[in-house]
Amino acid sequence: GPVPVTAPRRPGSGSGRGGPPGPPE
């Protein structure tokens, strides 16, 4: 490798829930 890894989507991410987006993790 290295090879790309597809990570599972975290609960609550996207769709504008939880306020404004913070810095990228």
PDB file of all heavy atoms in Angstrom:
ATOM      1  N   GLY A   1       0.827  -1.195   0.000  1.00  0.00           N
ATOM      2  CA  GLY A   1       0.000   0.000   0.000  1.00  0.00           C
ATOM      3  C   GLY A   1       0.860   1.243   0.000  1.00  0.00           C
ATOM      4  O   GLY A   1       2.020   1.190  -0.358  1.00  0.00           O
ATOM      5  N   PRO A   2       0.292   2.330   0.381  1.00  0.00           N
ATOM      6  CA  PRO A   2      -1.013   2.530   0.999  1.00  0.00           C
ATOM      7  C   PRO A   2      -2.155   2.466  -0.004  1.00  0.00           C
ATOM      8  O   PRO A   2      -1.984   2.764  -1.176  1.00  0.00           O
ATOM      9  CB  PRO A   2      -0.906   3.922   1.629  1.00  0.00           C
ATOM     10  CG  PRO A   2       0.125   4.633   0.832  1.00  0.00           C
ATOM     11  CD  PRO A   2       1.063   3.583   0.310  1.00  0.00           C
ATOM     12  N   VAL A   3      -3.314   2.091   0.508  1.00  0.00           N
ATOM     13  CA  VAL A   3      -4.532   2.021  -0.287  1.00  0.00           C
ATOM     14  C   VAL A   3      -5.617   2.825   0.416  1.00  0.00           C
ATOM     15  O   VAL A   3      -5.608   2.947   1.639  1.00  0.00           O
ATOM     16  CB  VAL A   3      -5.007   0.563  -0.505  1.00  0.00           C
ATOM     17  CG1 VAL A   3      -3.998  -0.221  -1.312  1.00  0.00           C
ATOM     18  CG2 VAL A   3      -5.279  -0.119   0.812  1.00  0.00           C
ATOM     19  N   PRO A   4      -6.558   3.388  -0.334  1.00  0.00           N
ATOM     20  CA  PRO A   4      -7.650   4.148   0.294  1.00  0.00           C
ATOM     21  C   PRO A   4      -8.512   3.240   1.169  1.00  0.00           C
ATOM     22  O   PRO A   4      -8.731   2.080   0.858  1.00  0.00           O
ATOM     23  CB  PRO A   4      -8.459   4.673  -0.884  1.00  0.00           C
ATOM     24  CG  PRO A   4      -7.590   4.508  -2.076  1.00  0.00           C
ATOM     25  CD  PRO A   4      -6.626   3.415  -1.786  1.00  0.00           C
ATOM     26  N   VAL A   5      -9.003   3.813   2.255  1.00  0.00           N
ATOM     27  CA  VAL A   5      -9.879   3.101   3.178  1.00  0.00           C
ATOM     28  C   VAL A   5     -11.205   3.828   3.191  1.00  0.00           C
ATOM     29  O   VAL A   5     -11.246   5.048   3.334  1.00  0.00           O
ATOM     30  CB  VAL A   5      -9.284   3.083   4.605  1.00  0.00           C
ATOM     31  CG1 VAL A   5     -10.248   2.452   5.583  1.00  0.00           C
ATOM     32  CG2 VAL A   5      -7.959   2.373   4.628  1.00  0.00           C
ATOM     33  N   THR A   6     -12.290   3.087   3.049  1.00  0.00           N
ATOM     34  CA  THR A   6     -13.606   3.695   3.168  1.00  0.00           C
ATOM     35  C   THR A   6     -14.073   3.505   4.595  1.00  0.00           C
ATOM     36  O   THR A   6     -14.162   2.387   5.090  1.00  0.00           O
ATOM     37  CB  THR A   6     -14.613   3.048   2.201  1.00  0.00           C
ATOM     38  OG1 THR A   6     -14.646   1.653   2.444  1.00  0.00           O
ATOM     39  CG2 THR A   6     -14.219   3.307   0.762  1.00  0.00           C
ATOM     40  N   ALA A   7     -14.303   4.604   5.280  1.00  0.00           N
ATOM     41  CA  ALA A   7     -14.725   4.565   6.680  1.00  0.00           C
ATOM     42  C   ALA A   7     -16.242   4.548   6.745  1.00  0.00           C
ATOM     43  O   ALA A   7     -16.915   5.208   5.945  1.00  0.00           O
ATOM     44  CB  ALA A   7     -14.181   5.774   7.429  1.00  0.00           C
ATOM     45  N   PRO A   8     -16.803   3.819   7.720  1.00  0.00           N
ATOM     46  CA  PRO A   8     -18.257   3.859   7.878  1.00  0.00           C
ATOM     47  C   PRO A   8     -18.706   5.246   8.307  1.00  0.00           C
ATOM     48  O   PRO A   8     -17.995   5.949   9.019  1.00  0.00           O
ATOM     49  CB  PRO A   8     -18.528   2.817   8.962  1.00  0.00           C
ATOM     50  CG  PRO A   8     -17.242   2.642   9.681  1.00  0.00           C
ATOM     51  CD  PRO A   8     -16.151   2.980   8.701  1.00  0.00           C
ATOM     52  N   ARG A   9     -19.862   5.649   7.856  1.00  0.00           N
ATOM     53  CA  ARG A   9     -20.408   6.967   8.202  1.00  0.00           C
ATOM     54  C   ARG A   9     -20.761   7.009   9.677  1.00  0.00           C
ATOM     55  O   ARG A   9     -21.391   6.110  10.198  1.00  0.00           O
ATOM     56  CB  ARG A   9     -21.647   7.229   7.347  1.00  0.00           C
ATOM     57  CG  ARG A   9     -22.130   8.631   7.432  1.00  0.00           C
ATOM     58  CD  ARG A   9     -23.240   8.808   6.389  1.00  0.00           C
ATOM     59  NE  ARG A   9     -23.862  10.086   6.536  1.00  0.00           N
ATOM     60  CZ  ARG A   9     -23.473  11.174   5.888  1.00  0.00           C
ATOM     61  NH1 ARG A   9     -22.466  11.101   5.065  1.00  0.00           N
ATOM     62  NH2 ARG A   9     -24.089  12.311   6.080  1.00  0.00           N
ATOM     63  N   ARG A  10     -20.339   8.080  10.347  1.00  0.00           N
ATOM     64  CA  ARG A  10     -20.604   8.229  11.781  1.00  0.00           C
ATOM     65  C   ARG A  10     -22.035   8.684  11.997  1.00  0.00           C
ATOM     66  O   ARG A  10     -22.551   9.510  11.239  1.00  0.00           O
ATOM     67  CB  ARG A  10     -19.642   9.252  12.385  1.00  0.00           C
ATOM     68  CG  ARG A  10     -18.219   8.765  12.403  1.00  0.00           C
ATOM     69  CD  ARG A  10     -17.345   9.692  13.228  1.00  0.00           C
ATOM     70  NE  ARG A  10     -17.491  11.091  12.894  1.00  0.00           N
ATOM     71  CZ  ARG A  10     -16.668  11.764  12.104  1.00  0.00           C
ATOM     72  NH1 ARG A  10     -15.659  11.167  11.550  1.00  0.00           N
ATOM     73  NH2 ARG A  10     -16.863  13.044  11.871  1.00  0.00           N
ATOM     74  N   PRO A  11     -22.689   8.179  13.048  1.00  0.00           N
ATOM     75  CA  PRO A  11     -24.051   8.623  13.340  1.00  0.00           C
ATOM     76  C   PRO A  11     -24.072  10.123  13.626  1.00  0.00           C
ATOM     77  O   PRO A  11     -23.173  10.652  14.274  1.00  0.00           O
ATOM     78  CB  PRO A  11     -24.430   7.842  14.594  1.00  0.00           C
ATOM     79  CG  PRO A  11     -23.437   6.744  14.728  1.00  0.00           C
ATOM     80  CD  PRO A  11     -22.218   7.180  13.969  1.00  0.00           C
ATOM     81  N   GLY A  12     -25.088  10.806  13.123  1.00  0.00           N
ATOM     82  CA  GLY A  12     -25.249  12.229  13.393  1.00  0.00           C
ATOM     83  C   GLY A  12     -24.456  13.125  12.463  1.00  0.00           C
ATOM     84  O   GLY A  12     -24.533  14.337  12.558  1.00  0.00           O
ATOM     85  N   SER A  13     -23.642  12.540  11.558  1.00  0.00           N
ATOM     86  CA  SER A  13     -22.874  13.405  10.660  1.00  0.00           C
ATOM     87  C   SER A  13     -23.744  13.757   9.456  1.00  0.00           C
ATOM     88  O   SER A  13     -24.608  13.007   9.050  1.00  0.00           O
ATOM     89  CB  SER A  13     -21.592  12.716  10.209  1.00  0.00           C
ATOM     90  OG  SER A  13     -21.895  11.568   9.455  1.00  0.00           O
ATOM     91  N   GLY A  14     -23.515  14.912   8.902  1.00  0.00           N
ATOM     92  CA  GLY A  14     -24.271  15.358   7.742  1.00  0.00           C
ATOM     93  C   GLY A  14     -25.628  15.904   8.121  1.00  0.00           C
ATOM     94  O   GLY A  14     -25.980  16.045   9.276  1.00  0.00           O
ATOM     95  N   SER A  15     -26.426  16.240   7.157  1.00  0.00           N
ATOM     96  CA  SER A  15     -27.810  16.742   7.234  1.00  0.00           C
ATOM     97  C   SER A  15     -27.975  17.940   8.154  1.00  0.00           C
ATOM     98  O   SER A  15     -29.062  18.219   8.606  1.00  0.00           O
ATOM     99  CB  SER A  15     -28.770  15.619   7.640  1.00  0.00           C
ATOM    100  OG  SER A  15     -28.597  15.278   9.003  1.00  0.00           O
ATOM    101  N   GLY A  16     -26.908  18.664   8.496  1.00  0.00           N
ATOM    102  CA  GLY A  16     -27.029  19.909   9.236  1.00  0.00           C
ATOM    103  C   GLY A  16     -27.416  19.775  10.684  1.00  0.00           C
ATOM    104  O   GLY A  16     -27.762  20.753  11.319  1.00  0.00           O
ATOM    105  N   ARG A  17     -27.427  18.599  11.251  1.00  0.00           N
ATOM    106  CA  ARG A  17     -27.811  18.421  12.650  1.00  0.00           C
ATOM    107  C   ARG A  17     -26.636  18.760  13.553  1.00  0.00           C
ATOM    108  O   ARG A  17     -25.494  18.487  13.244  1.00  0.00           O
ATOM    109  CB  ARG A  17     -28.243  16.986  12.893  1.00  0.00           C
ATOM    110  CG  ARG A  17     -29.485  16.621  12.092  1.00  0.00           C
ATOM    111  CD  ARG A  17     -29.870  15.194  12.280  1.00  0.00           C
ATOM    112  NE  ARG A  17     -30.277  14.987  13.666  1.00  0.00           N
ATOM    113  CZ  ARG A  17     -30.475  13.814  14.195  1.00  0.00           C
ATOM    114  NH1 ARG A  17     -30.292  12.741  13.475  1.00  0.00           N
ATOM    115  NH2 ARG A  17     -30.844  13.696  15.447  1.00  0.00           N
ATOM    116  N   GLY A  18     -26.936  19.355  14.680  1.00  0.00           N
ATOM    117  CA  GLY A  18     -25.894  19.600  15.676  1.00  0.00           C
ATOM    118  C   GLY A  18     -25.211  20.936  15.559  1.00  0.00           C
ATOM    119  O   GLY A  18     -24.169  21.131  16.139  1.00  0.00           O
ATOM    120  N   GLY A  19     -25.734  21.868  14.799  1.00  0.00           N
ATOM    121  CA  GLY A  19     -25.143  23.197  14.748  1.00  0.00           C
ATOM    122  C   GLY A  19     -24.159  23.352  13.617  1.00  0.00           C
ATOM    123  O   GLY A  19     -24.036  22.508  12.748  1.00  0.00           O
ATOM    124  N   PRO A  20     -23.402  24.472  13.653  1.00  0.00           N
ATOM    125  CA  PRO A  20     -22.478  24.750  12.558  1.00  0.00           C
ATOM    126  C   PRO A  20     -21.323  23.764  12.560  1.00  0.00           C
ATOM    127  O   PRO A  20     -20.932  23.253  13.596  1.00  0.00           O
ATOM    128  CB  PRO A  20     -21.997  26.182  12.852  1.00  0.00           C
ATOM    129  CG  PRO A  20     -22.212  26.355  14.310  1.00  0.00           C
ATOM    130  CD  PRO A  20     -23.384  25.506  14.678  1.00  0.00           C
ATOM    131  N   PRO A  21     -20.759  23.499  11.389  1.00  0.00           N
ATOM    132  CA  PRO A  21     -19.644  22.562  11.329  1.00  0.00           C
ATOM    133  C   PRO A  21     -18.413  23.140  12.020  1.00  0.00           C
ATOM    134  O   PRO A  21     -18.152  24.333  11.950  1.00  0.00           O
ATOM    135  CB  PRO A  21     -19.406  22.361   9.830  1.00  0.00           C
ATOM    136  CG  PRO A  21     -19.988  23.575   9.191  1.00  0.00           C
ATOM    137  CD  PRO A  21     -21.103  24.035  10.082  1.00  0.00           C
ATOM    138  N   GLY A  22     -17.685  22.281  12.691  1.00  0.00           N
ATOM    139  CA  GLY A  22     -16.454  22.688  13.351  1.00  0.00           C
ATOM    140  C   GLY A  22     -15.269  22.420  12.450  1.00  0.00           C
ATOM    141  O   GLY A  22     -15.427  22.133  11.262  1.00  0.00           O
ATOM    142  N   PRO A  23     -14.066  22.498  13.014  1.00  0.00           N
ATOM    143  CA  PRO A  23     -12.880  22.227  12.208  1.00  0.00           C
ATOM    144  C   PRO A  23     -12.868  20.761  11.802  1.00  0.00           C
ATOM    145  O   PRO A  23     -13.390  19.907  12.507  1.00  0.00           O
ATOM    146  CB  PRO A  23     -11.720  22.549  13.160  1.00  0.00           C
ATOM    147  CG  PRO A  23     -12.308  22.447  14.520  1.00  0.00           C
ATOM    148  CD  PRO A  23     -13.746  22.803  14.396  1.00  0.00           C
ATOM    149  N   PRO A  24     -12.288  20.434  10.652  1.00  0.00           N
ATOM    150  CA  PRO A  24     -12.267  19.045  10.216  1.00  0.00           C
ATOM    151  C   PRO A  24     -11.428  18.204  11.165  1.00  0.00           C
ATOM    152  O   PRO A  24     -10.400  18.639  11.661  1.00  0.00           O
ATOM    153  CB  PRO A  24     -11.643  19.096   8.820  1.00  0.00           C
ATOM    154  CG  PRO A  24     -10.939  20.390   8.751  1.00  0.00           C
ATOM    155  CD  PRO A  24     -11.619  21.321   9.707  1.00  0.00           C
ATOM    156  N   GLU A  25     -11.918  17.008  11.446  1.00  0.00           N
ATOM    157  CA  GLU A  25     -11.172  16.059  12.264  1.00  0.00           C
ATOM    158  C   GLU A  25     -10.410  15.131  11.338  1.00  0.00           C
ATOM    159  O   GLU A  25     -10.663  15.078  10.139  1.00  0.00           O
ATOM    160  CB  GLU A  25     -12.133  15.242  13.123  1.00  0.00           C
ATOM    161  CG  GLU A  25     -12.977  16.089  14.049  1.00  0.00           C
ATOM    162  CD  GLU A  25     -13.989  15.222  14.794  1.00  0.00           C
ATOM    163  OE1 GLU A  25     -13.790  14.000  14.880  1.00  0.00           O
ATOM    164  OE2 GLU A  25     -14.972  15.780  15.285  1.00  0.00           O
TER     165      GLU A  25
END
